[in-house]
């Protein structure tokens, strides 16, 4: 298995518009990897990792499927992850 820098992956997956914004979001502590908070944009993530990303208006829960090799169109970017956000909301209280 190979990995990818967290900030770069967030940009490749089109979660954020720029790598600078991705690095800032991570640096401010708004991202968790497998439940552990990180503030290191250079942290390496691998397929199977689950990211919890607190954006301004929503929280995303994404399972990394592939590290990616470039920032492609939305259809290609969507293949890099599985969106678990809806399932997280289905947990009974």
PDB file of N, CA and C in Angstrom:
ATOM      1  N   UNK A   1       0.836  -1.193   0.000  1.00  0.00           N
ATOM      2  CA  UNK A   1       0.000   0.000   0.000  1.00  0.00           C
ATOM      3  C   UNK A   1       0.874   1.247   0.000  1.00  0.00           C
ATOM      4  N   UNK A   2       0.414   2.248  -0.665  1.00  0.00           N
ATOM      5  CA  UNK A   2       1.128   3.513  -0.670  1.00  0.00           C
ATOM      6  C   UNK A   2       0.212   4.595  -0.118  1.00  0.00           C
ATOM      7  N   UNK A   3       0.800   5.694   0.300  1.00  0.00           N
ATOM      8  CA  UNK A   3       0.030   6.757   0.929  1.00  0.00           C
ATOM      9  C   UNK A   3       0.183   8.084   0.211  1.00  0.00           C
ATOM     10  N   UNK A   4      -0.430   9.101   0.808  1.00  0.00           N
ATOM     11  CA  UNK A   4      -0.446  10.446   0.240  1.00  0.00           C
ATOM     12  C   UNK A   4      -0.485  11.442   1.394  1.00  0.00           C
ATOM     13  N   UNK A   5       0.116  12.596   1.195  1.00  0.00           N
ATOM     14  CA  UNK A   5       0.016  13.672   2.186  1.00  0.00           C
ATOM     15  C   UNK A   5      -1.451  14.053   2.351  1.00  0.00           C
ATOM     16  N   UNK A   6      -1.858  14.305   3.575  1.00  0.00           N
ATOM     17  CA  UNK A   6      -3.242  14.633   3.868  1.00  0.00           C
ATOM     18  C   UNK A   6      -3.720  15.867   3.114  1.00  0.00           C
ATOM     19  N   UNK A   7      -2.947  16.946   3.143  1.00  0.00           N
ATOM     20  CA  UNK A   7      -3.377  18.174   2.464  1.00  0.00           C
ATOM     21  C   UNK A   7      -3.502  17.971   0.956  1.00  0.00           C
ATOM     22  N   UNK A   8      -2.587  17.217   0.395  1.00  0.00           N
ATOM     23  CA  UNK A   8      -2.612  16.957  -1.039  1.00  0.00           C
ATOM     24  C   UNK A   8      -3.826  16.096  -1.406  1.00  0.00           C
ATOM     25  N   UNK A   9      -4.120  15.095  -0.573  1.00  0.00           N
ATOM     26  CA  UNK A   9      -5.261  14.228  -0.835  1.00  0.00           C
ATOM     27  C   UNK A   9      -6.570  15.013  -0.778  1.00  0.00           C
ATOM     28  N   UNK A  10      -6.702  15.894   0.217  1.00  0.00           N
ATOM     29  CA  UNK A  10      -7.914  16.713   0.319  1.00  0.00           C
ATOM     30  C   UNK A  10      -8.118  17.561  -0.928  1.00  0.00           C
ATOM     31  N   UNK A  11      -7.039  18.023  -1.497  1.00  0.00           N
ATOM     32  CA  UNK A  11      -7.102  18.812  -2.731  1.00  0.00           C
ATOM     33  C   UNK A  11      -7.412  17.911  -3.924  1.00  0.00           C
ATOM     34  N   UNK A  12      -6.718  16.763  -4.044  1.00  0.00           N
ATOM     35  CA  UNK A  12      -6.981  15.807  -5.129  1.00  0.00           C
ATOM     36  C   UNK A  12      -8.438  15.362  -5.118  1.00  0.00           C
ATOM     37  N   UNK A  13      -8.994  15.125  -3.923  1.00  0.00           N
ATOM     38  CA  UNK A  13     -10.364  14.620  -3.791  1.00  0.00           C
ATOM     39  C   UNK A  13     -11.405  15.729  -3.945  1.00  0.00           C
ATOM     40  N   UNK A  14     -10.944  16.951  -4.170  1.00  0.00           N
ATOM     41  CA  UNK A  14     -11.813  18.108  -4.381  1.00  0.00           C
ATOM     42  C   UNK A  14     -12.685  18.426  -3.164  1.00  0.00           C
ATOM     43  N   UNK A  15     -12.144  18.175  -1.984  1.00  0.00           N
ATOM     44  CA  UNK A  15     -12.841  18.540  -0.755  1.00  0.00           C
ATOM     45  C   UNK A  15     -12.667  20.042  -0.522  1.00  0.00           C
ATOM     46  N   UNK A  16     -11.488  20.552  -0.881  1.00  0.00           N
ATOM     47  CA  UNK A  16     -11.197  21.979  -0.777  1.00  0.00           C
ATOM     48  C   UNK A  16     -10.653  22.488  -2.108  1.00  0.00           C
ATOM     49  N   UNK A  17     -10.808  23.778  -2.337  1.00  0.00           N
ATOM     50  CA  UNK A  17     -10.452  24.373  -3.633  1.00  0.00           C
ATOM     51  C   UNK A  17      -8.956  24.509  -3.876  1.00  0.00           C
ATOM     52  N   UNK A  18      -8.164  24.567  -2.807  1.00  0.00           N
ATOM     53  CA  UNK A  18      -6.721  24.707  -2.993  1.00  0.00           C
ATOM     54  C   UNK A  18      -5.982  23.906  -1.932  1.00  0.00           C
ATOM     55  N   UNK A  19      -4.747  23.603  -2.228  1.00  0.00           N
ATOM     56  CA  UNK A  19      -3.921  22.874  -1.273  1.00  0.00           C
ATOM     57  C   UNK A  19      -3.590  23.756  -0.069  1.00  0.00           C
ATOM     58  N   UNK A  20      -3.488  25.051  -0.281  1.00  0.00           N
ATOM     59  CA  UNK A  20      -3.246  25.995   0.809  1.00  0.00           C
ATOM     60  C   UNK A  20      -4.404  25.974   1.798  1.00  0.00           C
ATOM     61  N   UNK A  21      -5.640  25.971   1.289  1.00  0.00           N
ATOM     62  CA  UNK A  21      -6.811  25.893   2.168  1.00  0.00           C
ATOM     63  C   UNK A  21      -6.845  24.562   2.907  1.00  0.00           C
ATOM     64  N   UNK A  22      -6.457  23.496   2.227  1.00  0.00           N
ATOM     65  CA  UNK A  22      -6.417  22.171   2.859  1.00  0.00           C
ATOM     66  C   UNK A  22      -5.401  22.158   4.001  1.00  0.00           C
ATOM     67  N   UNK A  23      -4.226  22.711   3.762  1.00  0.00           N
ATOM     68  CA  UNK A  23      -3.182  22.757   4.796  1.00  0.00           C
ATOM     69  C   UNK A  23      -3.642  23.600   5.984  1.00  0.00           C
ATOM     70  N   UNK A  24      -4.327  24.698   5.710  1.00  0.00           N
ATOM     71  CA  UNK A  24      -4.817  25.565   6.780  1.00  0.00           C
ATOM     72  C   UNK A  24      -5.875  24.831   7.616  1.00  0.00           C
ATOM     73  N   UNK A  25      -6.809  24.140   6.960  1.00  0.00           N
ATOM     74  CA  UNK A  25      -7.857  23.402   7.665  1.00  0.00           C
ATOM     75  C   UNK A  25      -7.254  22.343   8.589  1.00  0.00           C
ATOM     76  N   UNK A  26      -6.289  21.609   8.074  1.00  0.00           N
ATOM     77  CA  UNK A  26      -5.620  20.582   8.876  1.00  0.00           C
ATOM     78  C   UNK A  26      -4.832  21.227  10.009  1.00  0.00           C
ATOM     79  N   UNK A  27      -4.090  22.284   9.692  1.00  0.00           N
ATOM     80  CA  UNK A  27      -3.271  22.967  10.695  1.00  0.00           C
ATOM     81  C   UNK A  27      -4.079  23.539  11.848  1.00  0.00           C
ATOM     82  N   UNK A  28      -5.331  23.904  11.567  1.00  0.00           N
ATOM     83  CA  UNK A  28      -6.206  24.443  12.606  1.00  0.00           C
ATOM     84  C   UNK A  28      -6.895  23.343  13.411  1.00  0.00           C
ATOM     85  N   UNK A  29      -6.613  22.084  13.065  1.00  0.00           N
ATOM     86  CA  UNK A  29      -7.134  20.968  13.846  1.00  0.00           C
ATOM     87  C   UNK A  29      -8.540  20.524  13.506  1.00  0.00           C
ATOM     88  N   UNK A  30      -8.999  20.785  12.285  1.00  0.00           N
ATOM     89  CA  UNK A  30     -10.362  20.436  11.884  1.00  0.00           C
ATOM     90  C   UNK A  30     -10.475  19.078  11.200  1.00  0.00           C
ATOM     91  N   UNK A  31      -9.408  18.285  11.250  1.00  0.00           N
ATOM     92  CA  UNK A  31      -9.428  16.972  10.589  1.00  0.00           C
ATOM     93  C   UNK A  31      -8.982  15.897  11.580  1.00  0.00           C
ATOM     94  N   UNK A  32      -9.698  14.784  11.551  1.00  0.00           N
ATOM     95  CA  UNK A  32      -9.322  13.608  12.346  1.00  0.00           C
ATOM     96  C   UNK A  32      -9.049  12.454  11.396  1.00  0.00           C
ATOM     97  N   UNK A  33      -8.034  11.671  11.727  1.00  0.00           N
ATOM     98  CA  UNK A  33      -7.691  10.470  10.971  1.00  0.00           C
ATOM     99  C   UNK A  33      -7.948   9.289  11.891  1.00  0.00           C
ATOM    100  N   UNK A  34      -8.883   8.435  11.499  1.00  0.00           N
ATOM    101  CA  UNK A  34      -9.255   7.273  12.324  1.00  0.00           C
ATOM    102  C   UNK A  34      -9.570   7.683  13.761  1.00  0.00           C
ATOM    103  N   UNK A  35     -10.233   8.831  13.916  1.00  0.00           N
ATOM    104  CA  UNK A  35     -10.655   9.300  15.229  1.00  0.00           C
ATOM    105  C   UNK A  35      -9.630  10.111  15.995  1.00  0.00           C
ATOM    106  N   UNK A  36      -8.421  10.251  15.457  1.00  0.00           N
ATOM    107  CA  UNK A  36      -7.352  10.990  16.141  1.00  0.00           C
ATOM    108  C   UNK A  36      -7.135  12.339  15.466  1.00  0.00           C
ATOM    109  N   UNK A  37      -7.233  13.393  16.255  1.00  0.00           N
ATOM    110  CA  UNK A  37      -7.054  14.747  15.734  1.00  0.00           C
ATOM    111  C   UNK A  37      -5.619  14.939  15.257  1.00  0.00           C
ATOM    112  N   UNK A  38      -5.465  15.632  14.142  1.00  0.00           N
ATOM    113  CA  UNK A  38      -4.130  15.942  13.638  1.00  0.00           C
ATOM    114  C   UNK A  38      -4.073  17.400  13.222  1.00  0.00           C
ATOM    115  N   UNK A  39      -2.906  17.982  13.333  1.00  0.00           N
ATOM    116  CA  UNK A  39      -2.685  19.349  12.850  1.00  0.00           C
ATOM    117  C   UNK A  39      -1.478  19.376  11.903  1.00  0.00           C
ATOM    118  N   UNK A  40      -1.154  18.203  11.345  1.00  0.00           N
ATOM    119  CA  UNK A  40      -0.002  18.071  10.458  1.00  0.00           C
ATOM    120  C   UNK A  40      -0.455  17.835   9.014  1.00  0.00           C
ATOM    121  N   UNK A  41      -0.395  18.862   8.160  1.00  0.00           N
ATOM    122  CA  UNK A  41      -0.798  18.703   6.767  1.00  0.00           C
ATOM    123  C   UNK A  41       0.007  17.633   6.027  1.00  0.00           C
ATOM    124  N   UNK A  42       1.239  17.359   6.462  1.00  0.00           N
ATOM    125  CA  UNK A  42       2.100  16.379   5.787  1.00  0.00           C
ATOM    126  C   UNK A  42       1.870  14.953   6.288  1.00  0.00           C
ATOM    127  N   UNK A  43       0.908  14.762   7.195  1.00  0.00           N
ATOM    128  CA  UNK A  43       0.607  13.415   7.712  1.00  0.00           C
ATOM    129  C   UNK A  43       0.218  12.515   6.541  1.00  0.00           C
ATOM    130  N   UNK A  44       0.796  11.314   6.502  1.00  0.00           N
ATOM    131  CA  UNK A  44       0.528  10.375   5.414  1.00  0.00           C
ATOM    132  C   UNK A  44      -0.735   9.571   5.720  1.00  0.00           C
ATOM    133  N   UNK A  45      -1.660   9.566   4.752  1.00  0.00           N
ATOM    134  CA  UNK A  45      -2.863   8.748   4.871  1.00  0.00           C
ATOM    135  C   UNK A  45      -2.810   7.653   3.826  1.00  0.00           C
ATOM    136  N   UNK A  46      -3.500   6.550   4.099  1.00  0.00           N
ATOM    137  CA  UNK A  46      -3.483   5.380   3.226  1.00  0.00           C
ATOM    138  C   UNK A  46      -4.893   4.882   3.003  1.00  0.00           C
ATOM    139  N   UNK A  47      -5.090   4.058   1.974  1.00  0.00           N
ATOM    140  CA  UNK A  47      -6.404   3.463   1.762  1.00  0.00           C
ATOM    141  C   UNK A  47      -6.872   2.737   3.021  1.00  0.00           C
ATOM    142  N   UNK A  48      -8.139   2.933   3.357  1.00  0.00           N
ATOM    143  CA  UNK A  48      -8.711   2.340   4.557  1.00  0.00           C
ATOM    144  C   UNK A  48      -8.841   3.322   5.706  1.00  0.00           C
ATOM    145  N   UNK A  49      -8.067   4.422   5.678  1.00  0.00           N
ATOM    146  CA  UNK A  49      -8.183   5.433   6.729  1.00  0.00           C
ATOM    147  C   UNK A  49      -9.537   6.131   6.618  1.00  0.00           C
ATOM    148  N   UNK A  50     -10.103   6.501   7.760  1.00  0.00           N
ATOM    149  CA  UNK A  50     -11.363   7.236   7.801  1.00  0.00           C
ATOM    150  C   UNK A  50     -11.071   8.647   8.294  1.00  0.00           C
ATOM    151  N   UNK A  51     -11.454   9.629   7.489  1.00  0.00           N
ATOM    152  CA  UNK A  51     -11.231  11.033   7.812  1.00  0.00           C
ATOM    153  C   UNK A  51     -12.529  11.677   8.248  1.00  0.00           C
ATOM    154  N   UNK A  52     -12.473  12.439   9.323  1.00  0.00           N
ATOM    155  CA  UNK A  52     -13.598  13.258   9.762  1.00  0.00           C
ATOM    156  C   UNK A  52     -13.156  14.695   9.571  1.00  0.00           C
ATOM    157  N   UNK A  53     -13.868  15.403   8.718  1.00  0.00           N
ATOM    158  CA  UNK A  53     -13.463  16.741   8.302  1.00  0.00           C
ATOM    159  C   UNK A  53     -14.552  17.736   8.693  1.00  0.00           C
ATOM    160  N   UNK A  54     -14.220  18.676   9.565  1.00  0.00           N
ATOM    161  CA  UNK A  54     -15.167  19.697  10.005  1.00  0.00           C
ATOM    162  C   UNK A  54     -15.012  20.923   9.107  1.00  0.00           C
ATOM    163  N   UNK A  55     -15.934  21.055   8.181  1.00  0.00           N
ATOM    164  CA  UNK A  55     -15.953  22.223   7.308  1.00  0.00           C
ATOM    165  C   UNK A  55     -16.827  23.295   7.955  1.00  0.00           C
ATOM    166  N   UNK A  56     -16.903  24.456   7.344  1.00  0.00           N
ATOM    167  CA  UNK A  56     -17.648  25.563   7.934  1.00  0.00           C
ATOM    168  C   UNK A  56     -19.122  25.223   8.157  1.00  0.00           C
ATOM    169  N   UNK A  57     -19.748  24.543   7.202  1.00  0.00           N
ATOM    170  CA  UNK A  57     -21.189  24.303   7.293  1.00  0.00           C
ATOM    171  C   UNK A  57     -21.582  22.835   7.438  1.00  0.00           C
ATOM    172  N   UNK A  58     -20.609  21.934   7.443  1.00  0.00           N
ATOM    173  CA  UNK A  58     -20.926  20.511   7.545  1.00  0.00           C
ATOM    174  C   UNK A  58     -19.723  19.717   8.024  1.00  0.00           C
ATOM    175  N   UNK A  59     -19.997  18.506   8.456  1.00  0.00           N
ATOM    176  CA  UNK A  59     -18.947  17.574   8.845  1.00  0.00           C
ATOM    177  C   UNK A  59     -19.015  16.401   7.880  1.00  0.00           C
ATOM    178  N   UNK A  60     -17.871  16.088   7.268  1.00  0.00           N
ATOM    179  CA  UNK A  60     -17.782  14.972   6.335  1.00  0.00           C
ATOM    180  C   UNK A  60     -17.047  13.816   6.991  1.00  0.00           C
ATOM    181  N   UNK A  61     -17.519  12.605   6.710  1.00  0.00           N
ATOM    182  CA  UNK A  61     -16.824  11.399   7.147  1.00  0.00           C
ATOM    183  C   UNK A  61     -16.527  10.620   5.870  1.00  0.00           C
ATOM    184  N   UNK A  62     -15.236  10.496   5.544  1.00  0.00           N
ATOM    185  CA  UNK A  62     -14.818   9.888   4.277  1.00  0.00           C
ATOM    186  C   UNK A  62     -13.839   8.757   4.521  1.00  0.00           C
ATOM    187  N   UNK A  63     -14.046   7.653   3.821  1.00  0.00           N
ATOM    188  CA  UNK A  63     -13.100   6.538   3.865  1.00  0.00           C
ATOM    189  C   UNK A  63     -12.203   6.649   2.640  1.00  0.00           C
ATOM    190  N   UNK A  64     -10.908   6.692   2.847  1.00  0.00           N
ATOM    191  CA  UNK A  64      -9.945   6.805   1.752  1.00  0.00           C
ATOM    192  C   UNK A  64      -9.882   5.471   1.007  1.00  0.00           C
ATOM    193  N   UNK A  65     -10.119   5.517  -0.306  1.00  0.00           N
ATOM    194  CA  UNK A  65     -10.035   4.320  -1.137  1.00  0.00           C
ATOM    195  C   UNK A  65      -8.754   4.276  -1.955  1.00  0.00           C
ATOM    196  N   UNK A  66      -8.248   5.455  -2.329  1.00  0.00           N
ATOM    197  CA  UNK A  66      -7.059   5.537  -3.172  1.00  0.00           C
ATOM    198  C   UNK A  66      -6.360   6.865  -2.909  1.00  0.00           C
ATOM    199  N   UNK A  67      -5.025   6.889  -2.896  1.00  0.00           N
ATOM    200  CA  UNK A  67      -4.323   8.149  -2.656  1.00  0.00           C
ATOM    201  C   UNK A  67      -4.390   9.117  -3.843  1.00  0.00           C
ATOM    202  N   UNK A  68      -4.627   8.619  -5.025  1.00  0.00           N
ATOM    203  CA  UNK A  68      -4.698   9.499  -6.190  1.00  0.00           C
ATOM    204  C   UNK A  68      -3.329   9.893  -6.711  1.00  0.00           C
ATOM    205  N   UNK A  69      -3.305  10.333  -7.957  1.00  0.00           N
ATOM    206  CA  UNK A  69      -2.054  10.761  -8.579  1.00  0.00           C
ATOM    207  C   UNK A  69      -2.138  12.173  -9.142  1.00  0.00           C
ATOM    208  N   UNK A  70      -3.372  12.702  -9.223  1.00  0.00           N
ATOM    209  CA  UNK A  70      -3.538  14.056  -9.751  1.00  0.00           C
ATOM    210  C   UNK A  70      -4.895  14.602  -9.322  1.00  0.00           C
ATOM    211  N   UNK A  71      -5.089  15.889  -9.534  1.00  0.00           N
ATOM    212  CA  UNK A  71      -6.378  16.517  -9.266  1.00  0.00           C
ATOM    213  C   UNK A  71      -7.171  16.498 -10.560  1.00  0.00           C
ATOM    214  N   UNK A  72      -8.004  15.509 -10.690  1.00  0.00           N
ATOM    215  CA  UNK A  72      -8.790  15.351 -11.903  1.00  0.00           C
ATOM    216  C   UNK A  72     -10.180  15.927 -11.757  1.00  0.00           C
ATOM    217  N   UNK A  73     -11.052  15.636 -12.719  1.00  0.00           N
ATOM    218  CA  UNK A  73     -12.431  16.113 -12.655  1.00  0.00           C
ATOM    219  C   UNK A  73     -13.186  15.454 -11.495  1.00  0.00           C
ATOM    220  N   UNK A  74     -14.358  15.996 -11.182  1.00  0.00           N
ATOM    221  CA  UNK A  74     -15.138  15.507 -10.045  1.00  0.00           C
ATOM    222  C   UNK A  74     -15.357  13.998 -10.104  1.00  0.00           C
ATOM    223  N   UNK A  75     -15.707  13.462 -11.252  1.00  0.00           N
ATOM    224  CA  UNK A  75     -15.979  12.027 -11.380  1.00  0.00           C
ATOM    225  C   UNK A  75     -14.763  11.209 -10.962  1.00  0.00           C
ATOM    226  N   UNK A  76     -13.586  11.638 -11.367  1.00  0.00           N
ATOM    227  CA  UNK A  76     -12.339  10.951 -10.996  1.00  0.00           C
ATOM    228  C   UNK A  76     -12.026  11.154  -9.515  1.00  0.00           C
ATOM    229  N   UNK A  77     -12.232  12.362  -9.018  1.00  0.00           N
ATOM    230  CA  UNK A  77     -11.948  12.669  -7.618  1.00  0.00           C
ATOM    231  C   UNK A  77     -12.851  11.863  -6.687  1.00  0.00           C
ATOM    232  N   UNK A  78     -14.099  11.651  -7.081  1.00  0.00           N
ATOM    233  CA  UNK A  78     -15.043  10.919  -6.248  1.00  0.00           C
ATOM    234  C   UNK A  78     -14.643   9.451  -6.075  1.00  0.00           C
ATOM    235  N   UNK A  79     -13.818   8.929  -6.955  1.00  0.00           N
ATOM    236  CA  UNK A  79     -13.350   7.548  -6.848  1.00  0.00           C
ATOM    237  C   UNK A  79     -12.275   7.380  -5.764  1.00  0.00           C
ATOM    238  N   UNK A  80     -11.772   8.483  -5.217  1.00  0.00           N
ATOM    239  CA  UNK A  80     -10.731   8.425  -4.202  1.00  0.00           C
ATOM    240  C   UNK A  80     -11.281   8.115  -2.805  1.00  0.00           C
ATOM    241  N   UNK A  81     -12.605   8.219  -2.630  1.00  0.00           N
ATOM    242  CA  UNK A  81     -13.178   8.038  -1.300  1.00  0.00           C
ATOM    243  C   UNK A  81     -14.589   7.471  -1.352  1.00  0.00           C
ATOM    244  N   UNK A  82     -14.990   6.953  -0.197  1.00  0.00           N
ATOM    245  CA  UNK A  82     -16.372   6.536   0.016  1.00  0.00           C
ATOM    246  C   UNK A  82     -16.938   7.472   1.072  1.00  0.00           C
ATOM    247  N   UNK A  83     -18.065   8.089   0.772  1.00  0.00           N
ATOM    248  CA  UNK A  83     -18.678   9.036   1.692  1.00  0.00           C
ATOM    249  C   UNK A  83     -19.492   8.276   2.736  1.00  0.00           C
ATOM    250  N   UNK A  84     -19.051   8.330   3.976  1.00  0.00           N
ATOM    251  CA  UNK A  84     -19.737   7.668   5.084  1.00  0.00           C
ATOM    252  C   UNK A  84     -20.585   8.651   5.884  1.00  0.00           C
ATOM    253  N   UNK A  85     -20.665   9.886   5.459  1.00  0.00           N
ATOM    254  CA  UNK A  85     -21.359  10.936   6.196  1.00  0.00           C
ATOM    255  C   UNK A  85     -22.807  10.567   6.481  1.00  0.00           C
ATOM    256  N   UNK A  86     -23.540  10.101   5.494  1.00  0.00           N
ATOM    257  CA  UNK A  86     -24.951   9.779   5.677  1.00  0.00           C
ATOM    258  C   UNK A  86     -25.108   8.639   6.682  1.00  0.00           C
ATOM    259  N   UNK A  87     -24.225   7.659   6.636  1.00  0.00           N
ATOM    260  CA  UNK A  87     -24.305   6.542   7.569  1.00  0.00           C
ATOM    261  C   UNK A  87     -24.059   6.991   8.997  1.00  0.00           C
ATOM    262  N   UNK A  88     -23.180   7.977   9.171  1.00  0.00           N
ATOM    263  CA  UNK A  88     -22.885   8.465  10.523  1.00  0.00           C
ATOM    264  C   UNK A  88     -24.128   9.094  11.130  1.00  0.00           C
ATOM    265  N   UNK A  89     -24.977   9.702  10.303  1.00  0.00           N
ATOM    266  CA  UNK A  89     -26.205  10.315  10.784  1.00  0.00           C
ATOM    267  C   UNK A  89     -27.290   9.298  11.086  1.00  0.00           C
ATOM    268  N   UNK A  90     -27.131   8.061  10.637  1.00  0.00           N
ATOM    269  CA  UNK A  90     -28.138   7.031  10.844  1.00  0.00           C
ATOM    270  C   UNK A  90     -27.980   6.302  12.174  1.00  0.00           C
ATOM    271  N   UNK A  91     -27.005   6.667  12.970  1.00  0.00           N
ATOM    272  CA  UNK A  91     -26.764   5.995  14.251  1.00  0.00           C
ATOM    273  C   UNK A  91     -27.875   6.387  15.219  1.00  0.00           C
ATOM    274  N   UNK A  92     -28.573   5.412  15.793  1.00  0.00           N
ATOM    275  CA  UNK A  92     -29.656   5.752  16.736  1.00  0.00           C
ATOM    276  C   UNK A  92     -29.113   6.390  18.008  1.00  0.00           C
ATOM    277  N   UNK A  93     -29.873   7.295  18.552  1.00  0.00           N
ATOM    278  CA  UNK A  93     -29.474   8.006  19.774  1.00  0.00           C
ATOM    279  C   UNK A  93     -29.916   7.266  21.005  1.00  0.00           C
TER     280      UNK A  93
END
